[in-house]
Amino acid sequence: MAAAMTNMAVTVRSDGLQALPSLQTSKFSKLVGARVMAAPRVSRTLLAGSVRCESGKNPIADVREAVDRSTKKVITEDEILRNQETNESEKKSVMGTEPTSGAPWPRPEVERRPETGSKSFWSVFAFDGAAPETINGRLAMVGMVWAVVGEQMTGQTVVEQLVGPGQTGLLYFLVAAQVLTYASLVPIMSGESTDARRSGPFTARAERWNGRMAMLGFFSLVVTEMFTHSAIFG
């Protein structure tokens, strides 16, 4: 080691500072390289692992935050109260009754919304709650698609596919209803209404009208097939 150090030349710059030594022989570099290569591999592995953990501690949370930034709109209580005062449709119900605070129905918007109102079962599933129309509309949209495809494949009516001998349509319907209900209740119970999400053309208003049309269409389809005893799309 001493011999290697004696072969190192020290250069003094014009400003009086000492520059880095230049190696006159390869012995020193070989010696240092050997010591570096002899370092435990476990240390290098732990270091790399810690760097990776610090760079992305929770990838799922990062993805959720990115989705929220691009699709979610925070609805405040002030915006809801302002809408109650200016929106004519919020000043009376479908039957013409004025919403009253504390009444079972109709309730003011600030009381029926998940963001500011109660998130109890009776409040969420009330007639003017956030869950009934959302869940029924989504089930109706899925039911219409299933009815068209199922009738073309089997030639059977909706009722025959549900309760006909040897048919499993009722089981599939119950499973789909449970999944859609749970998926719809998760954001509602977290204090988020359907109006808080928007992604391109997929808005709450578009979903609401599509769901209403699907509910009317599915009901009309079932009633019509009960009278005709034949599949409309078959």
Protein backbone atom coordinates (compact mmCIF):
# COMPACT_ATOMS: atom_id res chain seq x y z
CA MET A 1 0.00 0.00 0.00
CA ALA A 2 2.84 2.39 0.85
CA ALA A 3 4.55 1.59 -2.43
CA ALA A 4 1.38 2.39 -4.29
CA MET A 5 1.04 5.71 -2.50
CA THR A 6 4.60 6.73 -3.31
CA ASN A 7 3.91 6.34 -7.01
CA MET A 8 1.11 8.94 -6.88
CA ALA A 9 1.92 12.39 -8.26
CA VAL A 10 0.37 15.48 -6.66
CA THR A 11 -0.41 18.39 -8.95
CA VAL A 12 -0.58 21.96 -7.62
CA ARG A 13 -2.79 24.33 -9.62
CA SER A 14 -1.93 27.95 -10.32
CA ASP A 15 -4.45 29.18 -7.70
CA GLY A 16 -2.60 27.33 -4.96
CA LEU A 17 -5.16 24.59 -4.49
CA GLN A 18 -4.12 21.01 -4.53
CA ALA A 19 -5.68 19.00 -7.33
CA LEU A 20 -6.64 15.37 -7.19
CA PRO A 21 -3.72 13.02 -7.39
CA SER A 22 -3.09 11.30 -10.68
CA LEU A 23 -2.27 7.64 -10.54
CA GLN A 24 1.10 6.68 -11.94
CA THR A 25 0.53 3.00 -11.60
CA SER A 26 -2.39 0.62 -11.79
CA LYS A 27 -1.57 -1.03 -8.44
CA PHE A 28 -3.63 1.47 -6.45
CA SER A 29 -6.66 1.16 -8.72
CA LYS A 30 -6.46 -2.60 -8.59
CA LEU A 31 -6.23 -2.52 -4.81
CA VAL A 32 -9.21 -0.18 -4.40
CA GLY A 33 -11.22 -2.10 -6.95
CA ALA A 34 -10.57 -5.34 -5.13
CA ARG A 35 -11.79 -3.86 -1.85
CA VAL A 36 -14.97 -2.55 -3.49
CA MET A 37 -15.72 -5.87 -5.14
CA ALA A 38 -15.13 -7.61 -1.83
CA ALA A 39 -17.93 -5.58 -0.14
CA PRO A 40 -20.81 -7.80 1.01
CA ARG A 41 -23.48 -8.28 -1.60
CA VAL A 42 -26.14 -8.21 1.09
CA SER A 43 -25.44 -4.53 1.77
CA ARG A 44 -25.81 -3.64 -1.90
CA THR A 45 -29.07 -5.61 -2.08
CA LEU A 46 -30.53 -3.91 0.98
CA LEU A 47 -29.55 -0.51 -0.35
CA ALA A 48 -31.23 -1.18 -3.69
CA GLY A 49 -34.33 -2.45 -1.94
CA SER A 50 -34.59 0.62 0.25
CA VAL A 51 -34.30 2.89 -2.78
CA ARG A 52 -37.08 1.02 -4.54
CA CYS A 53 -39.33 1.20 -1.47
CA GLU A 54 -38.81 4.92 -1.10
CA SER A 55 -39.56 5.58 -4.77
CA GLY A 56 -43.01 3.95 -4.61
CA LYS A 57 -44.28 3.20 -1.11
CA ASN A 58 -47.91 2.48 -2.10
CA PRO A 59 -48.57 2.08 -5.85
CA ILE A 60 -52.32 1.48 -5.30
CA ALA A 61 -52.67 4.76 -3.42
CA ASP A 62 -50.76 6.57 -6.16
CA VAL A 63 -53.09 5.19 -8.86
CA ARG A 64 -56.18 6.08 -6.82
CA GLU A 65 -54.89 9.62 -6.28
CA ALA A 66 -54.26 10.03 -10.01
CA VAL A 67 -57.78 8.79 -10.86
CA ASP A 68 -59.31 11.14 -8.28
CA ARG A 69 -57.45 14.12 -9.72
CA SER A 70 -58.73 13.42 -13.24
CA THR A 71 -62.34 12.36 -12.51
CA LYS A 72 -63.45 13.56 -9.08
CA LYS A 73 -65.02 16.89 -8.19
CA VAL A 74 -65.27 17.89 -4.55
CA ILE A 75 -68.82 19.05 -3.76
CA THR A 76 -68.92 21.41 -0.79
CA GLU A 77 -71.80 22.26 1.50
CA ASP A 78 -71.77 25.88 0.31
CA GLU A 79 -72.33 24.75 -3.29
CA ILE A 80 -75.23 22.53 -2.22
CA LEU A 81 -76.90 25.32 -0.22
CA ARG A 82 -76.44 27.73 -3.12
CA ASN A 83 -78.04 25.24 -5.51
CA GLN A 84 -81.00 24.82 -3.14
CA GLU A 85 -81.63 28.54 -3.25
CA THR A 86 -81.25 29.05 -7.02
CA ASN A 87 -82.40 25.77 -8.59
CA GLU A 88 -86.17 25.72 -9.05
CA SER A 89 -86.29 21.92 -9.14
CA GLU A 90 -84.86 21.84 -5.61
CA LYS A 91 -87.64 24.05 -4.23
CA LYS A 92 -90.33 21.42 -4.78
CA SER A 93 -90.56 17.67 -5.18
CA VAL A 94 -92.04 15.66 -8.02
CA MET A 95 -95.45 15.86 -6.34
CA GLY A 96 -95.13 19.62 -5.84
CA THR A 97 -94.39 19.34 -2.12
CA GLU A 98 -91.82 21.71 -0.65
CA PRO A 99 -88.82 19.90 0.91
CA THR A 100 -88.84 20.15 4.69
CA SER A 101 -85.86 19.65 6.99
CA GLY A 102 -86.22 16.53 9.12
CA ALA A 103 -89.11 15.13 7.08
CA PRO A 104 -88.90 11.55 5.75
CA TRP A 105 -89.69 12.85 2.24
CA PRO A 106 -89.06 15.13 0.47
CA ARG A 107 -85.81 16.28 2.09
CA PRO A 108 -83.60 19.25 1.20
CA GLU A 109 -80.61 18.47 -0.98
CA VAL A 110 -78.16 19.13 1.84
CA GLU A 111 -79.79 16.34 3.90
CA ARG A 112 -80.15 13.70 1.22
CA ARG A 113 -76.67 14.02 -0.32
CA PRO A 114 -73.97 11.62 0.95
CA GLU A 115 -71.45 14.46 1.16
CA THR A 116 -73.39 16.38 3.82
CA GLY A 117 -76.35 14.26 4.92
CA SER A 118 -76.72 11.10 6.97
CA LYS A 119 -75.15 7.92 5.64
CA SER A 120 -77.39 5.57 7.58
CA PHE A 121 -79.19 2.73 5.82
CA TRP A 122 -82.61 4.40 6.06
CA SER A 123 -81.28 7.69 4.74
CA VAL A 124 -79.33 6.21 1.82
CA PHE A 125 -82.19 3.89 0.76
CA ALA A 126 -84.98 6.42 1.29
CA PHE A 127 -87.25 7.30 -1.64
CA ASP A 128 -85.14 10.38 -2.39
CA GLY A 129 -81.87 8.80 -1.22
CA ALA A 130 -78.74 8.31 -3.27
CA ALA A 131 -78.94 4.52 -3.60
CA PRO A 132 -82.33 3.43 -5.08
CA GLU A 133 -82.26 5.14 -8.47
CA THR A 134 -78.52 4.58 -8.92
CA ILE A 135 -78.66 0.85 -8.19
CA ASN A 136 -81.94 0.21 -10.06
CA GLY A 137 -80.71 2.13 -13.10
CA ARG A 138 -77.46 0.21 -13.28
CA LEU A 139 -79.23 -3.12 -12.86
CA ALA A 140 -81.69 -2.18 -15.60
CA MET A 141 -78.89 -1.26 -18.02
CA VAL A 142 -77.14 -4.57 -17.37
CA GLY A 143 -80.49 -6.37 -17.65
CA MET A 144 -81.28 -4.86 -21.05
CA VAL A 145 -77.92 -5.92 -22.47
CA TRP A 146 -78.30 -9.37 -20.96
CA ALA A 147 -81.87 -9.69 -22.33
CA VAL A 148 -80.84 -8.83 -25.89
CA VAL A 149 -77.84 -11.19 -25.89
CA GLY A 150 -79.60 -13.98 -23.98
CA GLU A 151 -82.70 -13.99 -26.16
CA GLN A 152 -80.64 -14.07 -29.36
CA MET A 153 -78.59 -17.00 -28.04
CA THR A 154 -81.41 -19.07 -26.52
CA GLY A 155 -84.62 -17.83 -28.16
CA GLN A 156 -86.27 -17.73 -24.72
CA THR A 157 -88.05 -14.85 -23.05
CA VAL A 158 -86.63 -13.06 -20.01
CA VAL A 159 -89.01 -14.90 -17.64
CA GLU A 160 -88.15 -18.28 -19.18
CA GLN A 161 -84.44 -17.61 -18.73
CA LEU A 162 -85.01 -16.65 -15.10
CA VAL A 163 -87.38 -19.34 -13.81
CA GLY A 164 -87.57 -21.89 -16.64
CA PRO A 165 -86.75 -25.57 -15.93
CA GLY A 166 -83.00 -26.10 -15.73
CA GLN A 167 -82.23 -22.39 -16.19
CA THR A 168 -79.68 -20.56 -14.03
CA GLY A 169 -80.65 -17.03 -15.03
CA LEU A 170 -82.13 -16.23 -11.61
CA LEU A 171 -78.89 -17.23 -9.88
CA TYR A 172 -76.82 -15.04 -12.20
CA PHE A 173 -79.23 -12.16 -11.64
CA LEU A 174 -78.93 -12.43 -7.86
CA VAL A 175 -75.12 -12.49 -8.07
CA ALA A 176 -75.05 -9.48 -10.40
CA ALA A 177 -77.46 -7.60 -8.14
CA GLN A 178 -75.26 -8.19 -5.10
CA VAL A 179 -72.08 -7.11 -6.88
CA LEU A 180 -73.60 -3.95 -8.39
CA THR A 181 -75.27 -3.01 -5.12
CA TYR A 182 -72.03 -3.35 -3.18
CA ALA A 183 -70.03 -1.47 -5.82
CA SER A 184 -72.58 1.35 -5.80
CA LEU A 185 -72.75 1.61 -2.01
CA VAL A 186 -68.99 1.85 -1.43
CA PRO A 187 -68.60 5.43 -2.73
CA ILE A 188 -71.96 6.51 -1.28
CA MET A 189 -71.02 5.32 2.21
CA SER A 190 -67.69 7.11 1.78
CA GLY A 191 -69.54 10.39 1.29
CA GLU A 192 -69.47 10.59 -2.50
CA SER A 193 -72.50 10.94 -4.76
CA THR A 194 -72.62 10.07 -8.44
CA ASP A 195 -72.43 13.79 -9.31
CA ALA A 196 -68.88 13.89 -7.94
CA ARG A 197 -67.46 11.78 -10.80
CA ARG A 198 -67.03 12.70 -14.43
CA SER A 199 -64.87 11.06 -17.10
CA GLY A 200 -65.41 12.43 -20.60
CA PRO A 201 -69.01 11.75 -21.72
CA PHE A 202 -69.66 9.53 -18.68
CA THR A 203 -71.45 12.01 -16.45
CA ALA A 204 -73.98 11.51 -13.65
CA ARG A 205 -76.71 13.06 -15.80
CA ALA A 206 -75.99 10.69 -18.70
CA GLU A 207 -76.05 7.69 -16.36
CA ARG A 208 -79.27 8.87 -14.74
CA TRP A 209 -81.15 9.21 -18.04
CA ASN A 210 -79.72 5.98 -19.45
CA GLY A 211 -80.78 4.19 -16.27
CA ARG A 212 -84.30 5.61 -16.43
CA MET A 213 -84.70 4.61 -20.06
CA ALA A 214 -83.34 1.15 -19.28
CA MET A 215 -85.79 0.70 -16.39
CA LEU A 216 -88.73 1.62 -18.61
CA GLY A 217 -87.42 -0.52 -21.46
CA PHE A 218 -86.79 -3.60 -19.33
CA PHE A 219 -90.22 -3.35 -17.67
CA SER A 220 -91.91 -2.95 -21.07
CA LEU A 221 -89.96 -5.89 -22.45
CA VAL A 222 -91.02 -8.24 -19.66
CA VAL A 223 -94.70 -7.18 -19.83
CA THR A 224 -94.81 -7.46 -23.63
CA GLU A 225 -93.28 -10.94 -23.62
CA MET A 226 -95.76 -12.08 -20.97
CA PHE A 227 -98.61 -11.27 -23.37
CA THR A 228 -96.94 -12.51 -26.58
CA HIS A 229 -95.22 -15.59 -25.04
CA SER A 230 -92.29 -15.11 -27.39
CA ALA A 231 -88.86 -13.50 -27.21
CA ILE A 232 -88.78 -10.10 -28.88
CA PHE A 233 -85.05 -10.26 -29.59
CA GLY A 234 -85.00 -14.00 -30.25
